[in-house]
C-alpha atoms as a PDB file:
ATOM      1  CA  MET A   1      79.004  80.760  88.664  1.00  0.00           C
ATOM      2  CA  LEU A   2      76.278  82.907  87.177  1.00  0.00           C
ATOM      3  CA  SER A   3      74.723  85.724  89.064  1.00  0.00           C
ATOM      4  CA  SER A   4      72.114  88.257  88.146  1.00  0.00           C
ATOM      5  CA  GLY A   5      72.110  91.521  90.003  1.00  0.00           C
ATOM      6  CA  GLY A   6      75.435  90.835  91.717  1.00  0.00           C
ATOM      7  CA  ARG A   7      77.979  93.604  92.095  1.00  0.00           C
ATOM      8  CA  VAL A   8      81.181  93.858  90.078  1.00  0.00           C
ATOM      9  CA  ARG A   9      83.921  96.129  91.323  1.00  0.00           C
ATOM     10  CA  VAL A  10      86.656  97.781  89.266  1.00  0.00           C
ATOM     11  CA  ASP A  11      89.035  98.971  91.984  1.00  0.00           C
ATOM     12  CA  GLU A  12      91.339 100.665  89.485  1.00  0.00           C
ATOM     13  CA  THR A  13      88.585 103.110  88.486  1.00  0.00           C
ATOM     14  CA  ASP A  14      86.766 103.087  91.850  1.00  0.00           C
ATOM     15  CA  ARG A  15      83.484 101.991  90.247  1.00  0.00           C
ATOM     16  CA  THR A  16      80.995  99.342  91.300  1.00  0.00           C
ATOM     17  CA  THR A  17      78.363  98.188  88.819  1.00  0.00           C
ATOM     18  CA  TYR A  18      75.426  95.801  88.723  1.00  0.00           C
ATOM     19  CA  PRO A  19      75.645  93.937  85.398  1.00  0.00           C
ATOM     20  CA  ASP A  20      72.604  91.942  84.344  1.00  0.00           C
ATOM     21  CA  ALA A  21      74.694  88.766  84.617  1.00  0.00           C
ATOM     22  CA  SER A  22      78.252  87.785  85.402  1.00  0.00           C
ATOM     23  CA  VAL A  23      80.193  84.554  85.177  1.00  0.00           C
ATOM     24  CA  VAL A  24      83.173  83.787  87.397  1.00  0.00           C
ATOM     25  CA  CYS A  25      85.240  80.680  86.747  1.00  0.00           C
ATOM     26  CA  GLY A  26      87.234  79.395  89.664  1.00  0.00           C
ATOM     27  CA  PRO A  27      87.369  80.970  93.102  1.00  0.00           C
ATOM     28  CA  ARG A  28      85.384  84.157  93.532  1.00  0.00           C
ATOM     29  CA  GLN A  29      87.626  87.148  94.241  1.00  0.00           C
ATOM     30  CA  THR A  30      86.246  90.194  95.985  1.00  0.00           C
ATOM     31  CA  SER A  31      87.362  93.752  96.434  1.00  0.00           C
ATOM     32  CA  PRO A  32      89.020  94.829  99.675  1.00  0.00           C
ATOM     33  CA  ARG A  33      86.782  97.916  99.449  1.00  0.00           C
ATOM     34  CA  ASP A  34      83.584  95.893  98.989  1.00  0.00           C
ATOM     35  CA  ARG A  35      83.645  92.239 100.028  1.00  0.00           C
ATOM     36  CA  HIS A  36      80.303  91.627  98.287  1.00  0.00           C
ATOM     37  CA  ALA A  37      81.543  92.751  94.860  1.00  0.00           C
ATOM     38  CA  VAL A  38      83.438  90.344  92.594  1.00  0.00           C
ATOM     39  CA  THR A  39      86.580  91.512  90.835  1.00  0.00           C
ATOM     40  CA  ASN A  40      87.245  88.525  88.569  1.00  0.00           C
ATOM     41  CA  PRO A  41      84.348  87.997  86.165  1.00  0.00           C
ATOM     42  CA  VAL A  42      85.174  86.162  82.941  1.00  0.00           C
ATOM     43  CA  VAL A  43      81.941  87.163  81.182  1.00  0.00           C
ATOM     44  CA  LEU A  44      79.701  90.166  81.815  1.00  0.00           C
ATOM     45  CA  VAL A  45      76.260  90.536  80.243  1.00  0.00           C
ATOM     46  CA  GLU A  46      74.309  93.757  79.879  1.00  0.00           C
ATOM     47  CA  VAL A  47      70.826  93.817  78.366  1.00  0.00           C
ATOM     48  CA  SER A  48      70.665  97.238  76.752  1.00  0.00           C
ATOM     49  CA  SER A  49      67.638  99.414  76.281  1.00  0.00           C
ATOM     50  CA  SER A  50      67.461 102.759  74.531  1.00  0.00           C
ATOM     51  CA  GLU A  51      68.048 104.370  77.949  1.00  0.00           C
ATOM     52  CA  THR A  52      71.128 102.322  78.917  1.00  0.00           C
ATOM     53  CA  GLU A  53      72.846 101.568  75.610  1.00  0.00           C
ATOM     54  CA  ARG A  54      75.089 104.639  75.553  1.00  0.00           C
ATOM     55  CA  ASP A  55      76.508 103.917  79.021  1.00  0.00           C
ATOM     56  CA  ASP A  56      76.738 100.149  78.362  1.00  0.00           C
ATOM     57  CA  ARG A  57      78.842 100.753  75.223  1.00  0.00           C
ATOM     58  CA  GLY A  58      80.789 103.726  76.532  1.00  0.00           C
ATOM     59  CA  GLU A  59      81.804 104.539  80.077  1.00  0.00           C
ATOM     60  CA  LYS A  60      80.743 101.231  81.637  1.00  0.00           C
ATOM     61  CA  PHE A  61      82.613  99.178  79.023  1.00  0.00           C
ATOM     62  CA  ALA A  62      85.694 101.379  79.503  1.00  0.00           C
ATOM     63  CA  HIS A  63      85.642 100.462  83.203  1.00  0.00           C
ATOM     64  CA  TYR A  64      85.054  96.768  82.501  1.00  0.00           C
ATOM     65  CA  ARG A  65      88.052  96.634  80.149  1.00  0.00           C
ATOM     66  CA  ARG A  66      90.260  97.299  83.185  1.00  0.00           C
ATOM     67  CA  LEU A  67      89.325  93.897  84.642  1.00  0.00           C
ATOM     68  CA  ALA A  68      92.211  91.577  83.757  1.00  0.00           C
ATOM     69  CA  SER A  69      89.959  88.517  84.122  1.00  0.00           C
ATOM     70  CA  LEU A  70      87.302  89.720  81.674  1.00  0.00           C
ATOM     71  CA  ASP A  71      87.377  87.798  78.391  1.00  0.00           C
ATOM     72  CA  GLU A  72      83.948  88.610  76.993  1.00  0.00           C
ATOM     73  CA  TYR A  73      81.488  91.471  77.313  1.00  0.00           C
ATOM     74  CA  VAL A  74      78.042  90.664  75.949  1.00  0.00           C
ATOM     75  CA  LEU A  75      75.515  93.304  74.940  1.00  0.00           C
ATOM     76  CA  VAL A  76      72.004  92.061  74.319  1.00  0.00           C
ATOM     77  CA  SER A  77      69.439  94.304  72.666  1.00  0.00           C
ATOM     78  CA  GLN A  78      66.116  94.540  74.408  1.00  0.00           C
ATOM     79  CA  GLU A  79      64.595  96.039  71.262  1.00  0.00           C
ATOM     80  CA  VAL A  80      65.549  93.597  68.468  1.00  0.00           C
ATOM     81  CA  PRO A  81      67.089  90.098  68.316  1.00  0.00           C
ATOM     82  CA  ARG A  82      70.757  91.141  68.381  1.00  0.00           C
ATOM     83  CA  ILE A  83      73.663  90.048  70.524  1.00  0.00           C
ATOM     84  CA  GLU A  84      77.090  91.640  70.385  1.00  0.00           C
ATOM     85  CA  VAL A  85      80.072  89.957  71.972  1.00  0.00           C
ATOM     86  CA  PHE A  86      83.262  91.892  72.574  1.00  0.00           C
ATOM     87  CA  GLN A  87      86.067  89.344  72.970  1.00  0.00           C
ATOM     88  CA  ARG A  88      89.490  90.151  74.353  1.00  0.00           C
ATOM     89  CA  THR A  89      92.312  89.240  71.960  1.00  0.00           C
ATOM     90  CA  PRO A  90      96.073  89.805  72.155  1.00  0.00           C
ATOM     91  CA  ASP A  91      95.517  92.872  69.931  1.00  0.00           C
ATOM     92  CA  GLY A  92      92.618  94.391  71.873  1.00  0.00           C
ATOM     93  CA  TRP A  93      88.862  93.842  71.715  1.00  0.00           C
ATOM     94  CA  MET A  94      87.119  92.202  68.753  1.00  0.00           C
ATOM     95  CA  LEU A  95      83.385  92.590  68.103  1.00  0.00           C
ATOM     96  CA  ARG A  96      81.242  89.673  66.930  1.00  0.00           C
ATOM     97  CA  GLU A  97      77.545  90.089  66.198  1.00  0.00           C
ATOM     98  CA  ALA A  98      74.642  87.689  65.944  1.00  0.00           C
ATOM     99  CA  ALA A  99      71.060  88.297  64.828  1.00  0.00           C
ATOM    100  CA  ALA A 100      67.926  86.192  64.406  1.00  0.00           C
ATOM    101  CA  GLY A 101      68.817  82.730  63.096  1.00  0.00           C
ATOM    102  CA  ASP A 102      72.449  83.014  64.243  1.00  0.00           C
ATOM    103  CA  ARG A 103      74.525  81.323  66.915  1.00  0.00           C
ATOM    104  CA  LEU A 104      77.761  82.542  68.393  1.00  0.00           C
ATOM    105  CA  THR A 105      80.299  81.128  70.775  1.00  0.00           C
ATOM    106  CA  LEU A 106      81.151  82.495  74.180  1.00  0.00           C
ATOM    107  CA  ARG A 107      84.547  80.842  74.058  1.00  0.00           C
ATOM    108  CA  SER A 108      85.582  81.645  77.609  1.00  0.00           C
ATOM    109  CA  ILE A 109      82.803  79.480  79.039  1.00  0.00           C
ATOM    110  CA  ASP A 110      82.241  77.173  76.049  1.00  0.00           C
ATOM    111  CA  VAL A 111      78.623  78.162  75.520  1.00  0.00           C
ATOM    112  CA  VAL A 112      76.970  78.554  72.116  1.00  0.00           C
ATOM    113  CA  PRO A 113      73.775  80.563  72.603  1.00  0.00           C
ATOM    114  CA  ASP A 114      71.133  80.448  69.882  1.00  0.00           C
ATOM    115  CA  VAL A 115      69.727  83.925  69.265  1.00  0.00           C
ATOM    116  CA  ASP A 116      66.278  82.572  68.398  1.00  0.00           C
ATOM    117  CA  ALA A 117      66.119  80.559  71.638  1.00  0.00           C
ATOM    118  CA  ILE A 118      67.159  83.588  73.680  1.00  0.00           C
ATOM    119  CA  TYR A 119      64.398  85.716  72.199  1.00  0.00           C
ATOM    120  CA  LEU A 120      61.854  82.892  72.197  1.00  0.00           C
ATOM    121  CA  ASP A 121      58.398  84.164  73.038  1.00  0.00           C
ATOM    122  CA  PRO A 122      59.310  87.511  74.602  1.00  0.00           C
ATOM    123  CA  PRO A 123      56.274  89.537  75.626  1.00  0.00           C
ATOM    124  CA  ALA A 124      55.478  92.297  73.118  1.00  0.00           C
ATOM    125  CA  ASP A 125      55.042  94.708  75.995  1.00  0.00           C
ATOM    126  CA  PRO A 126      56.526  93.438  79.267  1.00  0.00           C
ATOM    127  CA  ARG A 127      54.340  95.825  81.305  1.00  0.00           C
ATOM    128  CA  ALA A 128      51.186  94.319  79.793  1.00  0.00           C
ATOM    129  CA  HIS A 129      52.102  90.968  81.321  1.00  0.00           C
ATOM    130  CA  GLY A 130      53.151  92.394  84.675  1.00  0.00           C
ATOM    131  CA  LEU A 131      56.773  91.545  83.890  1.00  0.00           C
ATOM    132  CA  ARG A 132      59.106  94.183  85.232  1.00  0.00           C
ATOM    133  CA  ALA A 133      62.040  95.182  83.048  1.00  0.00           C
ATOM    134  CA  TRP A 134      64.651  93.587  85.337  1.00  0.00           C
ATOM    135  CA  GLU A 135      62.777  90.273  85.260  1.00  0.00           C
ATOM    136  CA  ARG A 136      62.858  90.303  81.467  1.00  0.00           C
ATOM    137  CA  ARG A 137      66.594  91.113  81.484  1.00  0.00           C
ATOM    138  CA  THR A 138      67.234  88.276  83.938  1.00  0.00           C
ATOM    139  CA  SER A 139      65.269  85.859  81.773  1.00  0.00           C
ATOM    140  CA  ILE A 140      67.318  86.833  78.705  1.00  0.00           C
ATOM    141  CA  CYS A 141      70.605  86.443  80.628  1.00  0.00           C
ATOM    142  CA  ILE A 142      69.674  83.000  81.893  1.00  0.00           C
ATOM    143  CA  ARG A 143      68.833  81.941  78.354  1.00  0.00           C
ATOM    144  CA  ILE A 144      72.211  83.173  77.097  1.00  0.00           C
ATOM    145  CA  VAL A 145      74.289  81.214  79.560  1.00  0.00           C
ATOM    146  CA  GLY A 146      71.882  78.402  80.395  1.00  0.00           C
ATOM    147  CA  SER A 147      70.396  77.362  77.061  1.00  0.00           C
ATOM    148  CA  GLY A 148      73.553  77.229  75.005  1.00  0.00           C
ATOM    149  CA  THR A 149      75.352  74.096  73.942  1.00  0.00           C
ATOM    150  CA  ARG A 150      78.087  73.586  76.498  1.00  0.00           C
ATOM    151  CA  SER A 151      81.027  71.499  75.353  1.00  0.00           C
ATOM    152  CA  LYS A 152      82.937  71.647  78.648  1.00  0.00           C
ATOM    153  CA  SER A 153      82.837  73.371  81.985  1.00  0.00           C
ATOM    154  CA  CYS A 154      84.490  76.695  82.688  1.00  0.00           C
ATOM    155  CA  ALA A 155      86.119  74.968  85.665  1.00  0.00           C
ATOM    156  CA  SER A 156      89.032  74.150  83.367  1.00  0.00           C
ATOM    157  CA  ARG A 157      89.817  77.885  83.425  1.00  0.00           C
ATOM    158  CA  ALA A 158      90.290  77.976  87.200  1.00  0.00           C
ATOM    159  CA  SER A 159      94.021  77.390  87.003  1.00  0.00           C
ATOM    160  CA  ARG A 160      94.551  79.928  84.229  1.00  0.00           C
ATOM    161  CA  LYS A 161      96.005  83.199  85.406  1.00  0.00           C
ATOM    162  CA  PRO A 162      94.752  86.258  83.500  1.00  0.00           C
ATOM    163  CA  SER A 163      97.416  88.160  81.652  1.00  0.00           C
ATOM    164  CA  SER A 164      97.810  91.690  82.965  1.00  0.00           C
ATOM    165  CA  ARG A 165      99.096  92.813  79.575  1.00  0.00           C
ATOM    166  CA  PHE A 166      95.494  92.736  78.326  1.00  0.00           C
ATOM    167  CA  ALA A 167      94.148  94.985  81.070  1.00  0.00           C
ATOM    168  CA  GLY A 168      92.804  98.256  79.776  1.00  0.00           C
ATOM    169  CA  LYS A 169      92.923  97.390  76.074  1.00  0.00           C
END
């Protein structure tokens, strides 16, 4: 399931956020404090601008790391063709980067986005085309998850239970 603008809740830190995109594999779990906010995303995507980058990398990511289900946190630059993927490993979080001409794998959902395809024909100035910033972010997120090469469905993850030992790392 991919959603744009949906709420994600981290009950442990009492914070609800609105990531640019989220992917949930298997049944959607919600918070008892907010039945409209998911608590089990596998992938979260934030399209960062100069105004949001500090929070996306800092406090927000610290909250997201508390989600036991989260395997990958994707930061997409709105300024230059650059995608950063933080992947959960047994030893903590590992950063992988991709720039123009690169591809990378979102292993948790078996998607291989092509950076060039994601940034294909972006408007030089979104306001000049009447494209609001959130519409541009949504378009980028859909390209990340939707235009990649998918080798298999994330449905195979539905039976996998997240390991609580990774929470908070």
